Amino acid sequence: MNQKSVSRCDCTPVVGTRFGGESGRPPSITIIEAVAAAENIAPTELDPLGEEIDLKAIDRLFREQGETSTSPKLLRCSVAGWNVFVRGDGAIRVCDPNRITEPESAFEKAICD
């Protein structure tokens, strides 16, 4: 399965953000902030996500991207009812599974309000 097929969805992206880089934020924190933005609430108002996904494992998975990895990394998961896509280059998309669109990569679709 290639990266494009894993990121392919028929849901609508509502939040696009990045981890790492100048912000230095780990993927776990960025996912929490992105899901909160999709919900239009503060991150502290979210139910704890630790029971849904292993945030430390996500940080470990993407920590070594580009240093020791032989292939690009992509994670697709469901968090608090949202479809979340995380790419090794730092891109994150939160998509609304209730807003159906034509199937294509979540990273190629425009972010909608």
N, C-alpha and C. Protein backbone atom coordinates (compact mmCIF):
# COMPACT_ATOMS: atom_id res chain seq x y z
N MET A 1 0.85 -1.17 0.00
CA MET A 1 0.00 0.00 0.00
C MET A 1 0.89 1.23 0.00
N ASN A 2 0.66 2.15 -0.94
CA ASN A 2 1.50 3.34 -0.99
C ASN A 2 0.91 4.48 -0.17
N GLN A 3 1.71 5.52 -0.01
CA GLN A 3 1.31 6.64 0.85
C GLN A 3 0.04 7.32 0.34
N LYS A 4 -0.09 7.44 -0.97
CA LYS A 4 -1.26 8.11 -1.52
C LYS A 4 -2.54 7.33 -1.23
N SER A 5 -2.48 5.99 -1.28
CA SER A 5 -3.68 5.21 -1.01
C SER A 5 -4.07 5.27 0.46
N VAL A 6 -3.09 5.35 1.36
CA VAL A 6 -3.39 5.45 2.79
C VAL A 6 -4.02 6.80 3.11
N SER A 7 -3.58 7.85 2.44
CA SER A 7 -4.12 9.18 2.73
C SER A 7 -5.39 9.48 1.92
N ARG A 8 -5.81 8.55 1.07
CA ARG A 8 -7.01 8.74 0.25
C ARG A 8 -8.25 8.63 1.13
N CYS A 9 -9.15 9.60 0.95
CA CYS A 9 -10.36 9.58 1.76
C CYS A 9 -11.49 10.27 1.01
N ASP A 10 -12.70 10.05 1.47
CA ASP A 10 -13.84 10.76 0.90
C ASP A 10 -14.42 11.74 1.93
N CYS A 11 -13.60 12.12 2.89
CA CYS A 11 -14.00 13.07 3.92
C CYS A 11 -13.45 14.46 3.57
N THR A 12 -13.93 15.47 4.26
CA THR A 12 -13.55 16.85 3.98
C THR A 12 -12.55 17.37 5.00
N PRO A 13 -11.36 17.81 4.56
CA PRO A 13 -10.40 18.40 5.50
C PRO A 13 -10.93 19.71 6.08
N VAL A 14 -10.88 19.84 7.39
CA VAL A 14 -11.34 21.06 8.06
C VAL A 14 -10.22 21.77 8.80
N VAL A 15 -9.12 21.07 9.07
CA VAL A 15 -7.96 21.68 9.72
C VAL A 15 -6.71 21.14 9.05
N GLY A 16 -5.80 22.03 8.76
CA GLY A 16 -4.49 21.66 8.24
C GLY A 16 -3.43 22.37 9.05
N THR A 17 -2.43 21.64 9.51
CA THR A 17 -1.38 22.24 10.33
C THR A 17 -0.10 21.43 10.16
N ARG A 18 0.94 21.80 10.88
CA ARG A 18 2.23 21.11 10.79
C ARG A 18 2.83 20.94 12.19
N PHE A 19 3.58 19.87 12.37
CA PHE A 19 4.35 19.68 13.60
C PHE A 19 5.83 19.87 13.26
N GLY A 20 6.64 19.99 14.32
CA GLY A 20 8.08 20.12 14.12
C GLY A 20 8.46 21.46 13.53
N GLY A 21 9.52 21.46 12.73
CA GLY A 21 9.97 22.69 12.08
C GLY A 21 10.30 23.76 13.09
N GLU A 22 9.98 24.99 12.74
CA GLU A 22 10.28 26.13 13.63
C GLU A 22 9.51 26.07 14.93
N SER A 23 8.30 25.51 14.90
CA SER A 23 7.50 25.45 16.13
C SER A 23 8.09 24.47 17.13
N GLY A 24 8.72 23.42 16.63
CA GLY A 24 9.29 22.40 17.51
C GLY A 24 8.25 21.55 18.21
N ARG A 25 6.97 21.74 17.87
CA ARG A 25 5.91 20.97 18.53
C ARG A 25 5.93 19.52 18.06
N PRO A 26 5.77 18.58 18.99
CA PRO A 26 5.70 17.17 18.60
C PRO A 26 4.36 16.87 17.94
N PRO A 27 4.28 15.78 17.17
CA PRO A 27 3.02 15.41 16.53
C PRO A 27 1.87 15.28 17.51
N SER A 28 2.12 14.71 18.69
CA SER A 28 1.03 14.47 19.65
C SER A 28 0.34 15.77 20.05
N ILE A 29 1.10 16.78 20.38
CA ILE A 29 0.53 18.07 20.79
C ILE A 29 -0.19 18.72 19.61
N THR A 30 0.41 18.62 18.43
CA THR A 30 -0.20 19.22 17.24
C THR A 30 -1.51 18.53 16.89
N ILE A 31 -1.60 17.22 17.06
CA ILE A 31 -2.86 16.49 16.82
C ILE A 31 -3.93 16.98 17.80
N ILE A 32 -3.58 17.10 19.07
CA ILE A 32 -4.53 17.57 20.08
C ILE A 32 -5.04 18.96 19.70
N GLU A 33 -4.12 19.86 19.35
CA GLU A 33 -4.52 21.22 18.97
C GLU A 33 -5.38 21.22 17.71
N ALA A 34 -5.06 20.37 16.74
CA ALA A 34 -5.82 20.32 15.49
C ALA A 34 -7.23 19.77 15.70
N VAL A 35 -7.36 18.73 16.51
CA VAL A 35 -8.68 18.18 16.81
C VAL A 35 -9.51 19.21 17.58
N ALA A 36 -8.89 19.90 18.51
CA ALA A 36 -9.60 20.95 19.25
C ALA A 36 -10.06 22.06 18.30
N ALA A 37 -9.21 22.43 17.34
CA ALA A 37 -9.60 23.45 16.36
C ALA A 37 -10.78 22.97 15.52
N ALA A 38 -10.78 21.69 15.16
CA ALA A 38 -11.91 21.13 14.40
C ALA A 38 -13.20 21.19 15.21
N GLU A 39 -13.07 20.98 16.52
CA GLU A 39 -14.22 21.02 17.43
C GLU A 39 -14.60 22.45 17.81
N ASN A 40 -13.69 23.41 17.48
CA ASN A 40 -13.87 24.81 17.84
C ASN A 40 -13.91 25.01 19.36
N ILE A 41 -12.99 24.31 20.03
CA ILE A 41 -12.85 24.42 21.49
C ILE A 41 -11.37 24.51 21.84
N ALA A 42 -11.08 24.84 23.08
CA ALA A 42 -9.69 24.87 23.56
C ALA A 42 -9.20 23.43 23.73
N PRO A 43 -7.91 23.19 23.49
CA PRO A 43 -7.37 21.83 23.67
C PRO A 43 -7.66 21.25 25.05
N THR A 44 -7.69 22.10 26.08
CA THR A 44 -7.95 21.61 27.44
C THR A 44 -9.39 21.16 27.63
N GLU A 45 -10.28 21.52 26.70
CA GLU A 45 -11.68 21.11 26.80
C GLU A 45 -11.95 19.75 26.16
N LEU A 46 -10.97 19.21 25.43
CA LEU A 46 -11.14 17.89 24.81
C LEU A 46 -11.15 16.80 25.86
N ASP A 47 -11.90 15.74 25.61
CA ASP A 47 -11.78 14.56 26.44
C ASP A 47 -10.37 14.02 26.26
N PRO A 48 -9.79 13.38 27.27
CA PRO A 48 -8.43 12.84 27.13
C PRO A 48 -8.35 11.89 25.93
N LEU A 49 -7.34 12.11 25.08
CA LEU A 49 -7.19 11.30 23.88
C LEU A 49 -6.34 10.06 24.11
N GLY A 50 -5.70 9.97 25.27
CA GLY A 50 -4.82 8.85 25.56
C GLY A 50 -5.50 7.49 25.53
N GLU A 51 -6.81 7.46 25.71
CA GLU A 51 -7.53 6.19 25.66
C GLU A 51 -7.85 5.79 24.22
N GLU A 52 -7.82 6.76 23.29
CA GLU A 52 -8.12 6.49 21.89
C GLU A 52 -6.88 6.16 21.08
N ILE A 53 -5.81 6.90 21.32
CA ILE A 53 -4.56 6.70 20.57
C ILE A 53 -3.38 6.81 21.52
N ASP A 54 -2.27 6.19 21.15
CA ASP A 54 -1.05 6.24 21.95
C ASP A 54 -0.21 7.42 21.46
N LEU A 55 -0.34 8.54 22.14
CA LEU A 55 0.33 9.77 21.71
C LEU A 55 1.85 9.65 21.76
N LYS A 56 2.38 8.95 22.75
CA LYS A 56 3.83 8.76 22.84
C LYS A 56 4.34 7.93 21.68
N ALA A 57 3.58 6.92 21.28
CA ALA A 57 3.97 6.08 20.14
C ALA A 57 3.99 6.90 18.85
N ILE A 58 3.04 7.81 18.70
CA ILE A 58 3.02 8.66 17.51
C ILE A 58 4.26 9.55 17.49
N ASP A 59 4.62 10.12 18.63
CA ASP A 59 5.84 10.94 18.69
C ASP A 59 7.07 10.11 18.33
N ARG A 60 7.15 8.89 18.84
CA ARG A 60 8.29 8.02 18.52
C ARG A 60 8.31 7.67 17.03
N LEU A 61 7.16 7.39 16.48
CA LEU A 61 7.06 7.01 15.07
C LEU A 61 7.62 8.09 14.16
N PHE A 62 7.31 9.34 14.45
CA PHE A 62 7.71 10.43 13.56
C PHE A 62 9.00 11.12 13.97
N ARG A 63 9.57 10.78 15.11
CA ARG A 63 10.79 11.42 15.59
C ARG A 63 11.96 11.23 14.63
N GLU A 64 12.12 10.04 14.10
CA GLU A 64 13.29 9.72 13.29
C GLU A 64 13.09 9.95 11.80
N GLN A 65 11.97 10.50 11.39
CA GLN A 65 11.71 10.71 9.96
C GLN A 65 12.85 11.49 9.33
N GLY A 66 13.38 10.98 8.25
CA GLY A 66 14.44 11.66 7.53
C GLY A 66 15.83 11.30 8.01
N GLU A 67 15.98 10.80 9.23
CA GLU A 67 17.29 10.46 9.75
C GLU A 67 17.63 9.00 9.51
N THR A 68 16.75 8.09 9.92
CA THR A 68 17.03 6.67 9.76
C THR A 68 15.97 5.95 8.95
N SER A 69 14.94 6.64 8.57
CA SER A 69 13.83 6.02 7.85
C SER A 69 14.21 5.73 6.41
N THR A 70 13.76 4.59 5.91
CA THR A 70 14.00 4.24 4.51
C THR A 70 12.80 4.55 3.64
N SER A 71 11.67 4.86 4.25
CA SER A 71 10.48 5.21 3.47
C SER A 71 9.67 6.26 4.22
N PRO A 72 8.88 7.04 3.48
CA PRO A 72 8.06 8.07 4.13
C PRO A 72 7.04 7.44 5.07
N LYS A 73 6.70 8.17 6.11
CA LYS A 73 5.72 7.67 7.08
C LYS A 73 4.41 8.40 6.92
N LEU A 74 3.32 7.66 7.12
CA LEU A 74 1.99 8.24 7.09
C LEU A 74 1.12 7.47 8.06
N LEU A 75 0.38 8.19 8.88
CA LEU A 75 -0.52 7.59 9.85
C LEU A 75 -1.93 8.09 9.57
N ARG A 76 -2.87 7.16 9.59
CA ARG A 76 -4.29 7.50 9.46
C ARG A 76 -5.00 6.90 10.65
N CYS A 77 -5.74 7.71 11.39
CA CYS A 77 -6.46 7.20 12.56
C CYS A 77 -7.72 8.02 12.79
N SER A 78 -8.57 7.51 13.64
CA SER A 78 -9.79 8.21 14.03
C SER A 78 -9.59 8.72 15.46
N VAL A 79 -9.81 10.01 15.65
CA VAL A 79 -9.62 10.63 16.96
C VAL A 79 -10.84 11.49 17.26
N ALA A 80 -11.53 11.17 18.33
CA ALA A 80 -12.70 11.94 18.77
C ALA A 80 -13.72 12.11 17.64
N GLY A 81 -13.84 11.09 16.79
CA GLY A 81 -14.81 11.12 15.70
C GLY A 81 -14.32 11.79 14.43
N TRP A 82 -13.09 12.26 14.41
CA TRP A 82 -12.50 12.91 13.25
C TRP A 82 -11.50 11.96 12.60
N ASN A 83 -11.34 12.04 11.28
CA ASN A 83 -10.29 11.30 10.59
C ASN A 83 -9.04 12.16 10.61
N VAL A 84 -7.95 11.61 11.13
CA VAL A 84 -6.70 12.36 11.26
C VAL A 84 -5.64 11.68 10.41
N PHE A 85 -4.93 12.49 9.62
CA PHE A 85 -3.85 12.02 8.76
C PHE A 85 -2.59 12.76 9.17
N VAL A 86 -1.51 12.02 9.41
CA VAL A 86 -0.23 12.61 9.82
C VAL A 86 0.83 12.12 8.86
N ARG A 87 1.57 13.04 8.26
CA ARG A 87 2.60 12.69 7.29
C ARG A 87 3.97 13.01 7.87
N GLY A 88 4.96 12.23 7.51
CA GLY A 88 6.31 12.37 8.06
C GLY A 88 6.97 13.71 7.82
N ASP A 89 6.53 14.45 6.81
CA ASP A 89 7.12 15.76 6.56
C ASP A 89 6.55 16.84 7.48
N GLY A 90 5.65 16.44 8.40
CA GLY A 90 5.09 17.37 9.38
C GLY A 90 3.66 17.79 9.10
N ALA A 91 3.12 17.41 7.96
CA ALA A 91 1.75 17.82 7.62
C ALA A 91 0.73 16.99 8.39
N ILE A 92 -0.31 17.67 8.87
CA ILE A 92 -1.43 17.02 9.56
C ILE A 92 -2.72 17.56 8.98
N ARG A 93 -3.66 16.65 8.73
CA ARG A 93 -5.00 17.03 8.28
C ARG A 93 -6.02 16.38 9.20
N VAL A 94 -7.00 17.16 9.63
CA VAL A 94 -8.15 16.63 10.36
C VAL A 94 -9.34 16.77 9.42
N CYS A 95 -10.02 15.65 9.18
CA CYS A 95 -11.12 15.63 8.21
C CYS A 95 -12.43 15.24 8.87
N ASP A 96 -13.50 15.83 8.37
CA ASP A 96 -14.86 15.55 8.86
C ASP A 96 -15.43 14.38 8.07
N PRO A 97 -15.61 13.22 8.70
CA PRO A 97 -16.12 12.05 7.99
C PRO A 97 -17.58 12.18 7.59
N ASN A 98 -18.28 13.16 8.14
CA ASN A 98 -19.70 13.36 7.82
C ASN A 98 -19.91 14.26 6.61
N ARG A 99 -18.84 14.87 6.12
CA ARG A 99 -18.92 15.71 4.92
C ARG A 99 -18.21 14.98 3.79
N ILE A 100 -18.99 14.29 2.98
CA ILE A 100 -18.45 13.41 1.93
C ILE A 100 -18.05 14.23 0.70
N THR A 101 -16.87 13.88 0.15
CA THR A 101 -16.37 14.50 -1.08
C THR A 101 -15.86 13.40 -2.00
N GLU A 102 -15.36 13.78 -3.15
CA GLU A 102 -14.75 12.82 -4.06
C GLU A 102 -13.49 12.25 -3.40
N PRO A 103 -13.28 10.94 -3.50
CA PRO A 103 -12.09 10.34 -2.89
C PRO A 103 -10.79 10.84 -3.55
N GLU A 104 -9.89 11.33 -2.73
CA GLU A 104 -8.54 11.69 -3.15
C GLU A 104 -7.70 11.87 -1.89
N SER A 105 -6.42 12.14 -2.05
CA SER A 105 -5.54 12.31 -0.90
C SER A 105 -6.01 13.46 -0.02
N ALA A 106 -6.05 13.23 1.27
CA ALA A 106 -6.44 14.29 2.22
C ALA A 106 -5.50 15.48 2.13
N PHE A 107 -4.26 15.25 1.69
CA PHE A 107 -3.28 16.32 1.62
C PHE A 107 -3.39 17.13 0.33
N GLU A 108 -4.17 16.65 -0.63
CA GLU A 108 -4.37 17.37 -1.89
C GLU A 108 -5.67 18.16 -1.90
N LYS A 109 -6.53 17.92 -0.93
CA LYS A 109 -7.81 18.63 -0.85
C LYS A 109 -7.63 19.97 -0.15
N ALA A 110 -8.46 20.92 -0.54
CA ALA A 110 -8.46 22.23 0.13
C ALA A 110 -9.11 22.11 1.50
N ILE A 111 -8.65 22.90 2.44
CA ILE A 111 -9.24 22.95 3.78
C ILE A 111 -10.54 23.73 3.69
N CYS A 112 -11.61 23.19 4.25
CA CYS A 112 -12.93 23.85 4.24
C CYS A 112 -13.30 24.28 5.65
N ASP A 113 -14.11 25.31 5.74
CA ASP A 113 -14.61 25.76 7.05
C ASP A 113 -15.86 25.01 7.40
